[in-house]
Amino acid sequence: MQPGKVDRDFFSEYIAGRLGADRPDVELGPAFGADFGLLSIGDRALALATDPVFVLRDLGLERAAWFAVHVLLSDVALSGLEPSHLAVDLSFPPGTDPETFETIWTVFDAEARELGVSIVTGHTGAYAGAAFPTIGAGTALAVGDPESVVRPTGATPGDRLLVTKGPAIETTGILGSVFGEPAGLDGETVAAARDRFFEASPVEDAAIAARAGSVTAMHDATEGGLANALHELAHASGVGLRVESGQVPMGPGVATVCSTFDIDPWVASSSGTVLLTVEPGSVESVRSALDAAGIRVGVIGTVESGGGVRVDGDPLPEPETDPFWPAYERARERYGPPEQRD
């Protein structure tokens, strides 16, 4: 297996069709390009999603923990239901000091309280083989009205395609924050990158959009960036997407940071960027609600029948790799971790 999440072929060969018992309460099970599962519990819908606990200590523990908890809540938020519960496994390397745990857990607690999320169960320990930055996993849940669920399979020909924030938000936020100064970026660009870091959560975007109008599908641009997210959204709903690149917003600092680290922003990891398909009559209400919250948003294209993704009329290749982590490792080798710099 290659680093990162598995591709469509791996999913089809090894995962699909091997999903345990066929239960009538499962409304939506695992599907490539779908961010969450969905259960029907009486008159309530229960969306749930599992992700790694990713704590990148070079960011500083508090910022790293903020990012980690928002990663756990991100996928379930794309259901259109607000995250409500969280289960967390933390598996630390042996010898981790209690202060490290306390800092991480204090941030988890504070963010969960702020978002109205209850941490209901989990597991904590230290184990041989465990290592930062991936120190466990968590499952987030959202409970709500079945009529309010935005299914990842719901995009329909004729819908409009919107995107929040633009490409490479996560990549810019992390690389620019950690390595911007030694890489020679000016102070304004470094400050912009640090602002992008705190945009690397889709939780607010998803909640605002779902409340504002008829959103038919949502998907976030994580590994493989905006380009991969477009393909995954199209695949999940069995539709085609037609995109105008000139309508895609670009956050301050993104172009400069990506150029400095030799990265194509369209294929770089971008947690916090949300693709939305919206019924035509709701486009203005959704766009206006996001804009009023200070979230960049562009109406970038349309949903069509068929399949595939075209940008400015040309087929968009599916990314084979994500340049973020290799660029991060190269920069760390060149500049060293923050605590070792003069």
C-alpha atoms as a PDB file:
ATOM      1  CA  MET A   1       0.000   0.000   0.000  1.00  0.00           C
ATOM      2  CA  GLN A   2       1.142   3.520  -0.825  1.00  0.00           C
ATOM      3  CA  PRO A   3       1.137   6.282   1.807  1.00  0.00           C
ATOM      4  CA  GLY A   4      -2.246   7.966   2.273  1.00  0.00           C
ATOM      5  CA  LYS A   5      -5.790   6.779   1.794  1.00  0.00           C
ATOM      6  CA  VAL A   6      -6.473   3.977  -0.665  1.00  0.00           C
ATOM      7  CA  ASP A   7      -7.583   4.698  -4.211  1.00  0.00           C
ATOM      8  CA  ARG A   8     -10.770   3.680  -6.002  1.00  0.00           C
ATOM      9  CA  ASP A   9      -9.320   0.456  -7.413  1.00  0.00           C
ATOM     10  CA  PHE A  10      -8.124  -0.730  -3.992  1.00  0.00           C
ATOM     11  CA  PHE A  11     -11.525   0.085  -2.489  1.00  0.00           C
ATOM     12  CA  SER A  12     -13.350  -1.839  -5.211  1.00  0.00           C
ATOM     13  CA  GLU A  13     -11.104  -4.911  -4.997  1.00  0.00           C
ATOM     14  CA  TYR A  14     -10.563  -5.293  -1.269  1.00  0.00           C
ATOM     15  CA  ILE A  15     -13.305  -3.401   0.624  1.00  0.00           C
ATOM     16  CA  ALA A  16     -16.530  -3.213  -1.363  1.00  0.00           C
ATOM     17  CA  GLY A  17     -18.642  -6.311  -0.838  1.00  0.00           C
ATOM     18  CA  ARG A  18     -16.877  -7.244   2.423  1.00  0.00           C
ATOM     19  CA  LEU A  19     -18.887  -5.157   4.819  1.00  0.00           C
ATOM     20  CA  GLY A  20     -20.282  -7.590   7.342  1.00  0.00           C
ATOM     21  CA  ALA A  21     -23.956  -8.163   7.943  1.00  0.00           C
ATOM     22  CA  ASP A  22     -26.626  -6.588   5.783  1.00  0.00           C
ATOM     23  CA  ARG A  23     -28.712  -4.631   8.304  1.00  0.00           C
ATOM     24  CA  PRO A  24     -31.900  -2.739   7.468  1.00  0.00           C
ATOM     25  CA  ASP A  25     -30.939   0.280   9.586  1.00  0.00           C
ATOM     26  CA  VAL A  26     -27.957   1.113   7.352  1.00  0.00           C
ATOM     27  CA  GLU A  27     -29.103   3.887   5.028  1.00  0.00           C
ATOM     28  CA  LEU A  28     -25.654   4.589   3.588  1.00  0.00           C
ATOM     29  CA  GLY A  29     -22.657   2.308   3.920  1.00  0.00           C
ATOM     30  CA  PRO A  30     -19.071   2.680   2.695  1.00  0.00           C
ATOM     31  CA  ALA A  31     -18.764   4.073  -0.818  1.00  0.00           C
ATOM     32  CA  PHE A  32     -15.769   5.596  -2.544  1.00  0.00           C
ATOM     33  CA  GLY A  33     -16.050   9.374  -2.356  1.00  0.00           C
ATOM     34  CA  ALA A  34     -18.604   9.297   0.479  1.00  0.00           C
ATOM     35  CA  ASP A  35     -17.389  10.988   3.653  1.00  0.00           C
ATOM     36  CA  PHE A  36     -19.729   9.353   6.183  1.00  0.00           C
ATOM     37  CA  GLY A  37     -22.067   6.456   6.875  1.00  0.00           C
ATOM     38  CA  LEU A  38     -25.725   6.873   7.762  1.00  0.00           C
ATOM     39  CA  LEU A  39     -28.016   4.912  10.076  1.00  0.00           C
ATOM     40  CA  SER A  40     -31.747   5.186  10.637  1.00  0.00           C
ATOM     41  CA  ILE A  41     -32.545   4.995  14.364  1.00  0.00           C
ATOM     42  CA  GLY A  42     -36.283   5.321  14.904  1.00  0.00           C
ATOM     43  CA  ASP A  43     -37.244   8.785  13.666  1.00  0.00           C
ATOM     44  CA  ARG A  44     -33.660  10.079  13.825  1.00  0.00           C
ATOM     45  CA  ALA A  45     -30.728   9.945  11.437  1.00  0.00           C
ATOM     46  CA  LEU A  46     -27.276   9.079  12.747  1.00  0.00           C
ATOM     47  CA  ALA A  47     -24.306  10.047  10.571  1.00  0.00           C
ATOM     48  CA  LEU A  48     -20.870   8.753  11.583  1.00  0.00           C
ATOM     49  CA  ALA A  49     -17.310   8.933  10.281  1.00  0.00           C
ATOM     50  CA  THR A  50     -13.883   7.703  11.432  1.00  0.00           C
ATOM     51  CA  ASP A  51     -10.512   9.358  10.836  1.00  0.00           C
ATOM     52  CA  PRO A  52      -6.969   9.224  12.219  1.00  0.00           C
ATOM     53  CA  VAL A  53      -5.903  11.421  15.129  1.00  0.00           C
ATOM     54  CA  PHE A  54      -3.177  13.447  13.419  1.00  0.00           C
ATOM     55  CA  VAL A  55      -1.089  15.595  15.798  1.00  0.00           C
ATOM     56  CA  LEU A  56       1.759  17.332  13.957  1.00  0.00           C
ATOM     57  CA  ARG A  57       3.929  18.577  16.811  1.00  0.00           C
ATOM     58  CA  ASP A  58       5.923  20.975  14.606  1.00  0.00           C
ATOM     59  CA  LEU A  59       2.841  23.206  14.628  1.00  0.00           C
ATOM     60  CA  GLY A  60       2.995  23.502  18.417  1.00  0.00           C
ATOM     61  CA  LEU A  61       0.834  21.173  20.443  1.00  0.00           C
ATOM     62  CA  GLU A  62      -2.136  23.488  20.863  1.00  0.00           C
ATOM     63  CA  ARG A  63      -2.488  24.280  17.164  1.00  0.00           C
ATOM     64  CA  ALA A  64      -1.779  20.655  16.250  1.00  0.00           C
ATOM     65  CA  ALA A  65      -4.518  19.457  18.607  1.00  0.00           C
ATOM     66  CA  TRP A  66      -6.959  22.031  17.195  1.00  0.00           C
ATOM     67  CA  PHE A  67      -6.342  20.652  13.721  1.00  0.00           C
ATOM     68  CA  ALA A  68      -6.627  17.059  14.954  1.00  0.00           C
ATOM     69  CA  VAL A  69     -10.050  17.479  16.537  1.00  0.00           C
ATOM     70  CA  HIS A  70     -11.413  19.336  13.504  1.00  0.00           C
ATOM     71  CA  VAL A  71     -10.187  16.549  11.215  1.00  0.00           C
ATOM     72  CA  LEU A  72     -12.205  14.095  13.306  1.00  0.00           C
ATOM     73  CA  LEU A  73     -15.352  16.234  13.058  1.00  0.00           C
ATOM     74  CA  SER A  74     -14.955  17.240   9.412  1.00  0.00           C
ATOM     75  CA  ASP A  75     -16.470  14.309   7.537  1.00  0.00           C
ATOM     76  CA  VAL A  76     -19.562  13.939   9.667  1.00  0.00           C
ATOM     77  CA  ALA A  77     -20.213  17.693   9.426  1.00  0.00           C
ATOM     78  CA  LEU A  78     -20.555  17.240   5.668  1.00  0.00           C
ATOM     79  CA  SER A  79     -23.781  15.352   6.337  1.00  0.00           C
ATOM     80  CA  GLY A  80     -25.430  18.719   6.990  1.00  0.00           C
ATOM     81  CA  LEU A  81     -26.107  17.626  10.578  1.00  0.00           C
ATOM     82  CA  GLU A  82     -24.081  19.324  13.283  1.00  0.00           C
ATOM     83  CA  PRO A  83     -21.552  17.029  15.005  1.00  0.00           C
ATOM     84  CA  SER A  84     -22.909  15.876  18.358  1.00  0.00           C
ATOM     85  CA  HIS A  85     -20.755  13.054  19.777  1.00  0.00           C
ATOM     86  CA  LEU A  86     -17.155  11.892  19.578  1.00  0.00           C
ATOM     87  CA  ALA A  87     -15.262   8.709  20.490  1.00  0.00           C
ATOM     88  CA  VAL A  88     -11.459   8.991  20.616  1.00  0.00           C
ATOM     89  CA  ASP A  89      -8.625   6.472  20.782  1.00  0.00           C
ATOM     90  CA  LEU A  90      -5.246   7.978  21.710  1.00  0.00           C
ATOM     91  CA  SER A  91      -2.290   5.622  21.317  1.00  0.00           C
ATOM     92  CA  PHE A  92       0.914   7.384  22.368  1.00  0.00           C
ATOM     93  CA  PRO A  93       4.534   6.295  22.021  1.00  0.00           C
ATOM     94  CA  PRO A  94       5.898   4.870  25.300  1.00  0.00           C
ATOM     95  CA  GLY A  95       7.543   7.615  27.330  1.00  0.00           C
ATOM     96  CA  THR A  96       5.145  10.378  26.275  1.00  0.00           C
ATOM     97  CA  ASP A  97       4.976  12.807  29.191  1.00  0.00           C
ATOM     98  CA  PRO A  98       1.648  13.552  30.911  1.00  0.00           C
ATOM     99  CA  GLU A  99       1.953  17.251  30.018  1.00  0.00           C
ATOM    100  CA  THR A 100       1.781  16.385  26.318  1.00  0.00           C
ATOM    101  CA  PHE A 101      -1.421  14.444  26.857  1.00  0.00           C
ATOM    102  CA  GLU A 102      -2.856  17.219  29.019  1.00  0.00           C
ATOM    103  CA  THR A 103      -2.221  19.889  26.378  1.00  0.00           C
ATOM    104  CA  ILE A 104      -3.782  17.827  23.610  1.00  0.00           C
ATOM    105  CA  TRP A 105      -6.768  16.781  25.664  1.00  0.00           C
ATOM    106  CA  THR A 106      -7.424  20.282  26.969  1.00  0.00           C
ATOM    107  CA  VAL A 107      -7.779  21.495  23.378  1.00  0.00           C
ATOM    108  CA  PHE A 108     -10.025  18.546  22.464  1.00  0.00           C
ATOM    109  CA  ASP A 109     -12.257  19.363  25.428  1.00  0.00           C
ATOM    110  CA  ALA A 110     -12.404  23.084  24.643  1.00  0.00           C
ATOM    111  CA  GLU A 111     -13.187  22.628  20.942  1.00  0.00           C
ATOM    112  CA  ALA A 112     -15.805  19.980  21.673  1.00  0.00           C
ATOM    113  CA  ARG A 113     -17.511  22.275  24.179  1.00  0.00           C
ATOM    114  CA  GLU A 114     -17.426  25.175  21.721  1.00  0.00           C
ATOM    115  CA  LEU A 115     -19.077  23.042  19.023  1.00  0.00           C
ATOM    116  CA  GLY A 116     -21.618  21.351  21.307  1.00  0.00           C
ATOM    117  CA  VAL A 117     -19.973  17.939  20.954  1.00  0.00           C
ATOM    118  CA  SER A 118     -19.925  15.412  23.808  1.00  0.00           C
ATOM    119  CA  ILE A 119     -16.959  13.030  24.076  1.00  0.00           C
ATOM    120  CA  VAL A 120     -18.714   9.825  25.074  1.00  0.00           C
ATOM    121  CA  THR A 121     -16.127   7.041  25.000  1.00  0.00           C
ATOM    122  CA  GLY A 122     -12.614   6.167  23.910  1.00  0.00           C
ATOM    123  CA  HIS A 123      -9.311   4.582  24.872  1.00  0.00           C
ATOM    124  CA  THR A 124      -5.994   6.057  26.009  1.00  0.00           C
ATOM    125  CA  GLY A 125      -2.640   4.324  26.360  1.00  0.00           C
ATOM    126  CA  ALA A 126       1.000   4.066  25.276  1.00  0.00           C
ATOM    127  CA  TYR A 127       2.099   1.265  22.968  1.00  0.00           C
ATOM    128  CA  ALA A 128       5.239   0.090  21.204  1.00  0.00           C
ATOM    129  CA  GLY A 129       5.131   1.116  17.557  1.00  0.00           C
ATOM    130  CA  ALA A 130       2.901   4.132  18.138  1.00  0.00           C
ATOM    131  CA  ALA A 131       4.388   7.360  16.798  1.00  0.00           C
ATOM    132  CA  PHE A 132       3.508  10.973  16.132  1.00  0.00           C
ATOM    133  CA  PRO A 133       1.870  12.411  14.093  1.00  0.00           C
ATOM    134  CA  THR A 134      -0.701   9.574  13.792  1.00  0.00           C
ATOM    135  CA  ILE A 135      -1.533   8.594  17.364  1.00  0.00           C
ATOM    136  CA  GLY A 136      -4.888   6.883  17.139  1.00  0.00           C
ATOM    137  CA  ALA A 137      -8.288   7.421  15.583  1.00  0.00           C
ATOM    138  CA  GLY A 138     -11.714   8.757  16.403  1.00  0.00           C
ATOM    139  CA  THR A 139     -15.316   8.378  15.365  1.00  0.00           C
ATOM    140  CA  ALA A 140     -17.578  11.406  15.173  1.00  0.00           C
ATOM    141  CA  LEU A 141     -21.372  11.204  15.170  1.00  0.00           C
ATOM    142  CA  ALA A 142     -24.145  13.612  14.262  1.00  0.00           C
ATOM    143  CA  VAL A 143     -27.751  13.004  15.251  1.00  0.00           C
ATOM    144  CA  GLY A 144     -30.631  14.853  13.630  1.00  0.00           C
ATOM    145  CA  ASP A 145     -33.652  15.045  11.370  1.00  0.00           C
ATOM    146  CA  PRO A 146     -33.419  12.616   8.423  1.00  0.00           C
ATOM    147  CA  GLU A 147     -34.853  15.335   6.172  1.00  0.00           C
ATOM    148  CA  SER A 148     -31.848  17.550   6.963  1.00  0.00           C
ATOM    149  CA  VAL A 149     -29.199  15.054   5.831  1.00  0.00           C
ATOM    150  CA  VAL A 150     -27.131  16.076   2.821  1.00  0.00           C
ATOM    151  CA  ARG A 151     -26.124  12.793   1.192  1.00  0.00           C
ATOM    152  CA  PRO A 152     -22.767  12.588  -0.598  1.00  0.00           C
ATOM    153  CA  THR A 153     -24.580  10.787  -3.414  1.00  0.00           C
ATOM    154  CA  GLY A 154     -27.173  13.504  -3.986  1.00  0.00           C
ATOM    155  CA  ALA A 155     -25.701  15.689  -6.752  1.00  0.00           C
ATOM    156  CA  THR A 156     -28.136  15.929  -9.683  1.00  0.00           C
ATOM    157  CA  PRO A 157     -27.706  17.203 -13.243  1.00  0.00           C
ATOM    158  CA  GLY A 158     -28.652  20.873 -13.319  1.00  0.00           C
ATOM    159  CA  ASP A 159     -27.272  21.614  -9.853  1.00  0.00           C
ATOM    160  CA  ARG A 160     -24.691  24.351  -9.518  1.00  0.00           C
ATOM    161  CA  LEU A 161     -21.219  23.616  -8.149  1.00  0.00           C
ATOM    162  CA  LEU A 162     -19.750  25.848  -5.439  1.00  0.00           C
ATOM    163  CA  VAL A 163     -16.444  25.736  -3.556  1.00  0.00           C
ATOM    164  CA  THR A 164     -15.403  27.429  -0.329  1.00  0.00           C
ATOM    165  CA  LYS A 165     -11.986  28.972   0.411  1.00  0.00           C
ATOM    166  CA  GLY A 166     -10.195  27.580  -2.643  1.00  0.00           C
ATOM    167  CA  PRO A 167      -7.355  25.087  -3.093  1.00  0.00           C
ATOM    168  CA  ALA A 168      -4.377  24.148  -0.902  1.00  0.00           C
ATOM    169  CA  ILE A 169      -5.695  25.649   2.350  1.00  0.00           C
ATOM    170  CA  GLU A 170      -4.208  22.946   4.595  1.00  0.00           C
ATOM    171  CA  THR A 171      -0.976  22.749   2.591  1.00  0.00           C
ATOM    172  CA  THR A 172      -0.477  26.510   2.707  1.00  0.00           C
ATOM    173  CA  GLY A 173      -1.415  26.783   6.362  1.00  0.00           C
ATOM    174  CA  ILE A 174       0.984  24.086   7.523  1.00  0.00           C
ATOM    175  CA  LEU A 175       3.976  24.622   5.224  1.00  0.00           C
ATOM    176  CA  GLY A 176       3.800  28.402   5.485  1.00  0.00           C
ATOM    177  CA  SER A 177       3.385  28.381   9.256  1.00  0.00           C
ATOM    178  CA  VAL A 178       6.151  25.868   9.997  1.00  0.00           C
ATOM    179  CA  PHE A 179       8.727  26.632   7.285  1.00  0.00           C
ATOM    180  CA  GLY A 180       7.776  30.029   5.855  1.00  0.00           C
ATOM    181  CA  GLU A 181      10.443  32.113   7.553  1.00  0.00           C
ATOM    182  CA  PRO A 182      13.438  29.807   6.912  1.00  0.00           C
ATOM    183  CA  ALA A 183      12.203  29.323   3.329  1.00  0.00           C
ATOM    184  CA  GLY A 184      12.502  33.091   2.822  1.00  0.00           C
ATOM    185  CA  LEU A 185       8.831  34.022   2.667  1.00  0.00           C
ATOM    186  CA  ASP A 186       8.107  37.607   3.647  1.00  0.00           C
ATOM    187  CA  GLY A 187       6.244  38.421   6.838  1.00  0.00           C
ATOM    188  CA  GLU A 188       2.986  39.241   5.061  1.00  0.00           C
ATOM    189  CA  THR A 189       2.912  35.857   3.326  1.00  0.00           C
ATOM    190  CA  VAL A 190       3.762  33.984   6.531  1.00  0.00           C
ATOM    191  CA  ALA A 191       0.940  35.814   8.330  1.00  0.00           C
ATOM    192  CA  ALA A 192      -1.452  34.933   5.510  1.00  0.00           C
ATOM    193  CA  ALA A 193      -0.399  31.280   5.709  1.00  0.00           C
ATOM    194  CA  ARG A 194      -1.097  31.248   9.450  1.00  0.00           C
ATOM    195  CA  ASP A 195      -4.553  32.634   8.725  1.00  0.00           C
ATOM    196  CA  ARG A 196      -5.110  29.848   6.181  1.00  0.00           C
ATOM    197  CA  PHE A 197      -4.221  27.271   8.845  1.00  0.00           C
ATOM    198  CA  PHE A 198      -7.226  28.256  10.924  1.00  0.00           C
ATOM    199  CA  GLU A 199      -9.436  27.902   7.836  1.00  0.00           C
ATOM    200  CA  ALA A 200      -8.531  24.204   7.654  1.00  0.00           C
ATOM    201  CA  SER A 201     -11.862  23.007   9.002  1.00  0.00           C
ATOM    202  CA  PRO A 202     -15.069  22.536   6.992  1.00  0.00           C
ATOM    203  CA  VAL A 203     -17.337  22.349  10.039  1.00  0.00           C
ATOM    204  CA  GLU A 204     -18.587  25.949   9.875  1.00  0.00           C
ATOM    205  CA  ASP A 205     -18.861  25.968   6.070  1.00  0.00           C
ATOM    206  CA  ALA A 206     -21.011  22.838   6.045  1.00  0.00           C
ATOM    207  CA  ALA A 207     -23.365  24.015   8.793  1.00  0.00           C
ATOM    208  CA  ILE A 208     -23.931  27.442   7.228  1.00  0.00           C
ATOM    209  CA  ALA A 209     -24.507  26.079   3.737  1.00  0.00           C
ATOM    210  CA  ALA A 210     -26.887  23.338   4.868  1.00  0.00           C
ATOM    211  CA  ARG A 211     -29.011  25.839   6.786  1.00  0.00           C
ATOM    212  CA  ALA A 212     -29.080  28.389   3.973  1.00  0.00           C
ATOM    213  CA  GLY A 213     -30.639  26.444   1.114  1.00  0.00           C
ATOM    214  CA  SER A 214     -31.095  23.249  -0.852  1.00  0.00           C
ATOM    215  CA  VAL A 215     -27.620  21.680  -0.821  1.00  0.00           C
ATOM    216  CA  THR A 216     -27.677  18.304  -2.565  1.00  0.00           C
ATOM    217  CA  ALA A 217     -24.130  17.031  -1.823  1.00  0.00           C
ATOM    218  CA  MET A 218     -20.967  18.126  -0.013  1.00  0.00           C
ATOM    219  CA  HIS A 219     -17.388  16.857  -0.082  1.00  0.00           C
ATOM    220  CA  ASP A 220     -14.137  18.193   1.375  1.00  0.00           C
ATOM    221  CA  ALA A 221     -10.814  18.460  -0.430  1.00  0.00           C
ATOM    222  CA  THR A 222      -8.389  16.448   1.669  1.00  0.00           C
ATOM    223  CA  GLU A 223      -5.715  14.183   0.128  1.00  0.00           C
ATOM    224  CA  GLY A 224      -5.274  14.950  -3.546  1.00  0.00           C
ATOM    225  CA  GLY A 225      -6.734  18.389  -3.052  1.00  0.00           C
ATOM    226  CA  LEU A 226      -9.454  20.090  -5.039  1.00  0.00           C
ATOM    227  CA  ALA A 227      -8.793  18.023  -8.167  1.00  0.00           C
ATOM    228  CA  ASN A 228      -9.275  14.729  -6.359  1.00  0.00           C
ATOM    229  CA  ALA A 229     -12.326  16.031  -4.483  1.00  0.00           C
ATOM    230  CA  LEU A 230     -13.999  16.925  -7.769  1.00  0.00           C
ATOM    231  CA  HIS A 231     -13.490  13.394  -9.052  1.00  0.00           C
ATOM    232  CA  GLU A 232     -14.686  11.809  -5.806  1.00  0.00           C
ATOM    233  CA  LEU A 233     -17.828  13.943  -5.691  1.00  0.00           C
ATOM    234  CA  ALA A 234     -18.632  13.119  -9.317  1.00  0.00           C
ATOM    235  CA  HIS A 235     -18.039   9.404  -8.730  1.00  0.00           C
ATOM    236  CA  ALA A 236     -20.145   9.241  -5.558  1.00  0.00           C
ATOM    237  CA  SER A 237     -23.201  10.697  -7.312  1.00  0.00           C
ATOM    238  CA  GLY A 238     -22.601   9.192 -10.751  1.00  0.00           C
ATOM    239  CA  VAL A 239     -22.556  12.580 -12.464  1.00  0.00           C
ATOM    240  CA  GLY A 240     -20.235  14.784 -14.489  1.00  0.00           C
ATOM    241  CA  LEU A 241     -18.840  18.131 -13.373  1.00  0.00           C
ATOM    242  CA  ARG A 242     -18.002  21.099 -15.581  1.00  0.00           C
ATOM    243  CA  VAL A 243     -15.749  23.658 -13.904  1.00  0.00           C
ATOM    244  CA  GLU A 244     -14.564  27.174 -14.766  1.00  0.00           C
ATOM    245  CA  SER A 245     -11.126  27.608 -13.218  1.00  0.00           C
ATOM    246  CA  GLY A 246     -11.368  31.394 -13.230  1.00  0.00           C
ATOM    247  CA  GLN A 247     -14.253  31.254 -10.755  1.00  0.00           C
ATOM    248  CA  VAL A 248     -12.313  29.252  -8.141  1.00  0.00           C
ATOM    249  CA  PRO A 249     -11.263  31.529  -5.246  1.00  0.00           C
ATOM    250  CA  MET A 250      -7.621  31.602  -4.203  1.00  0.00           C
ATOM    251  CA  GLY A 251      -6.779  32.442  -0.600  1.00  0.00           C
ATOM    252  CA  PRO A 252      -4.133  35.055   0.261  1.00  0.00           C
ATOM    253  CA  GLY A 253      -0.692  33.484   0.437  1.00  0.00           C
ATOM    254  CA  VAL A 254      -1.641  30.257  -1.334  1.00  0.00           C
ATOM    255  CA  ALA A 255      -0.017  30.931  -4.697  1.00  0.00           C
ATOM    256  CA  THR A 256       3.224  32.188  -3.143  1.00  0.00           C
ATOM    257  CA  VAL A 257       3.565  29.337  -0.643  1.00  0.00           C
ATOM    258  CA  CYS A 258       2.805  26.673  -3.243  1.00  0.00           C
ATOM    259  CA  SER A 259       5.260  28.212  -5.697  1.00  0.00           C
ATOM    260  CA  THR A 260       7.970  28.366  -3.027  1.00  0.00           C
ATOM    261  CA  PHE A 261       7.551  24.673  -2.218  1.00  0.00           C
ATOM    262  CA  ASP A 262       7.051  23.646  -5.882  1.00  0.00           C
ATOM    263  CA  ILE A 263       3.471  22.469  -5.429  1.00  0.00           C
ATOM    264  CA  ASP A 264       0.465  22.530  -7.755  1.00  0.00           C
ATOM    265  CA  PRO A 265      -2.251  23.966  -5.463  1.00  0.00           C
ATOM    266  CA  TRP A 266      -5.049  22.053  -7.217  1.00  0.00           C
ATOM    267  CA  VAL A 267      -3.714  18.638  -6.182  1.00  0.00           C
ATOM    268  CA  ALA A 268      -2.436  19.572  -2.708  1.00  0.00           C
ATOM    269  CA  SER A 269      -4.210  18.559   0.492  1.00  0.00           C
ATOM    270  CA  SER A 270      -6.815  21.145   1.424  1.00  0.00           C
ATOM    271  CA  SER A 271      -8.793  20.292   4.558  1.00  0.00           C
ATOM    272  CA  GLY A 272     -11.296  23.099   5.068  1.00  0.00           C
ATOM    273  CA  THR A 273     -12.193  23.435   1.386  1.00  0.00           C
ATOM    274  CA  VAL A 274     -15.754  22.251   0.707  1.00  0.00           C
ATOM    275  CA  LEU A 275     -17.331  21.397  -2.636  1.00  0.00           C
ATOM    276  CA  LEU A 276     -21.108  21.841  -2.658  1.00  0.00           C
ATOM    277  CA  THR A 277     -23.746  21.038  -5.233  1.00  0.00           C
ATOM    278  CA  VAL A 278     -26.762  23.282  -4.850  1.00  0.00           C
ATOM    279  CA  GLU A 279     -30.163  23.483  -6.510  1.00  0.00           C
ATOM    280  CA  PRO A 280     -30.213  26.518  -8.837  1.00  0.00           C
ATOM    281  CA  GLY A 281     -32.830  28.372  -6.816  1.00  0.00           C
ATOM    282  CA  SER A 282     -30.673  28.224  -3.673  1.00  0.00           C
ATOM    283  CA  VAL A 283     -27.358  29.350  -5.108  1.00  0.00           C
ATOM    284  CA  GLU A 284     -27.703  32.971  -4.077  1.00  0.00           C
ATOM    285  CA  SER A 285     -28.921  32.222  -0.549  1.00  0.00           C
ATOM    286  CA  VAL A 286     -26.093  29.738   0.074  1.00  0.00           C
ATOM    287  CA  ARG A 287     -23.466  32.013  -1.439  1.00  0.00           C
ATOM    288  CA  SER A 288     -24.712  35.016   0.522  1.00  0.00           C
ATOM    289  CA  ALA A 289     -24.773  33.109   3.830  1.00  0.00           C
ATOM    290  CA  LEU A 290     -21.182  31.935   3.389  1.00  0.00           C
ATOM    291  CA  ASP A 291     -20.062  35.376   2.297  1.00  0.00           C
ATOM    292  CA  ALA A 292     -21.738  36.975   5.327  1.00  0.00           C
ATOM    293  CA  ALA A 293     -19.741  34.633   7.575  1.00  0.00           C
ATOM    294  CA  GLY A 294     -16.487  35.767   5.952  1.00  0.00           C
ATOM    295  CA  ILE A 295     -15.987  32.471   4.076  1.00  0.00           C
ATOM    296  CA  ARG A 296     -14.673  32.834   0.519  1.00  0.00           C
ATOM    297  CA  VAL A 297     -16.953  31.094  -1.945  1.00  0.00           C
ATOM    298  CA  GLY A 298     -17.173  30.768  -5.700  1.00  0.00           C
ATOM    299  CA  VAL A 299     -19.852  29.438  -8.034  1.00  0.00           C
ATOM    300  CA  ILE A 300     -17.483  27.400 -10.184  1.00  0.00           C
ATOM    301  CA  GLY A 301     -19.553  25.193 -12.459  1.00  0.00           C
ATOM    302  CA  THR A 302     -22.445  22.855 -13.073  1.00  0.00           C
ATOM    303  CA  VAL A 303     -23.465  19.248 -12.577  1.00  0.00           C
ATOM    304  CA  GLU A 304     -24.218  17.320 -15.760  1.00  0.00           C
ATOM    305  CA  SER A 305     -25.249  13.820 -16.718  1.00  0.00           C
ATOM    306  CA  GLY A 306     -22.633  11.273 -17.628  1.00  0.00           C
ATOM    307  CA  GLY A 307     -19.388  11.298 -15.698  1.00  0.00           C
ATOM    308  CA  GLY A 308     -15.935  12.758 -15.398  1.00  0.00           C
ATOM    309  CA  VAL A 309     -14.638  16.218 -14.606  1.00  0.00           C
ATOM    310  CA  ARG A 310     -13.826  18.913 -17.151  1.00  0.00           C
ATOM    311  CA  VAL A 311     -12.098  22.178 -16.309  1.00  0.00           C
ATOM    312  CA  ASP A 312     -12.383  24.935 -18.918  1.00  0.00           C
ATOM    313  CA  GLY A 313     -13.549  22.274 -21.351  1.00  0.00           C
ATOM    314  CA  ASP A 314     -10.627  19.882 -20.867  1.00  0.00           C
ATOM    315  CA  PRO A 315     -10.626  16.586 -18.916  1.00  0.00           C
ATOM    316  CA  LEU A 316      -9.117  16.961 -15.444  1.00  0.00           C
ATOM    317  CA  PRO A 317      -6.631  14.155 -14.674  1.00  0.00           C
ATOM    318  CA  GLU A 318      -7.095  12.325 -11.404  1.00  0.00           C
ATOM    319  CA  PRO A 319      -4.128  13.033  -9.118  1.00  0.00           C
ATOM    320  CA  GLU A 320      -1.872  10.033  -8.584  1.00  0.00           C
ATOM    321  CA  THR A 321      -0.134  11.517  -5.541  1.00  0.00           C
ATOM    322  CA  ASP A 322      -0.485  14.418  -3.121  1.00  0.00           C
ATOM    323  CA  PRO A 323       2.605  16.661  -2.989  1.00  0.00           C
ATOM    324  CA  PHE A 324       1.991  17.982   0.523  1.00  0.00           C
ATOM    325  CA  TRP A 325       3.651  15.359   2.707  1.00  0.00           C
ATOM    326  CA  PRO A 326       6.740  14.840   0.476  1.00  0.00           C
ATOM    327  CA  ALA A 327       7.207  18.632   0.432  1.00  0.00           C
ATOM    328  CA  TYR A 328       6.834  18.721   4.195  1.00  0.00           C
ATOM    329  CA  GLU A 329       9.485  16.024   4.674  1.00  0.00           C
ATOM    330  CA  ARG A 330      11.889  17.771   2.278  1.00  0.00           C
ATOM    331  CA  ALA A 331      11.449  21.061   4.115  1.00  0.00           C
ATOM    332  CA  ARG A 332      11.937  19.443   7.514  1.00  0.00           C
ATOM    333  CA  GLU A 333      15.141  17.791   6.319  1.00  0.00           C
ATOM    334  CA  ARG A 334      16.408  21.095   4.933  1.00  0.00           C
ATOM    335  CA  TYR A 335      15.337  23.490   7.682  1.00  0.00           C
ATOM    336  CA  GLY A 336      14.941  21.203  10.683  1.00  0.00           C
ATOM    337  CA  PRO A 337      12.109  21.155  13.216  1.00  0.00           C
ATOM    338  CA  PRO A 338      11.171  24.535  14.767  1.00  0.00           C
ATOM    339  CA  GLU A 339      12.793  23.779  18.145  1.00  0.00           C
ATOM    340  CA  GLN A 340      16.197  23.201  16.525  1.00  0.00           C
ATOM    341  CA  ARG A 341      16.372  26.468  14.595  1.00  0.00           C
ATOM    342  CA  ASP A 342      18.353  29.464  15.740  1.00  0.00           C
END
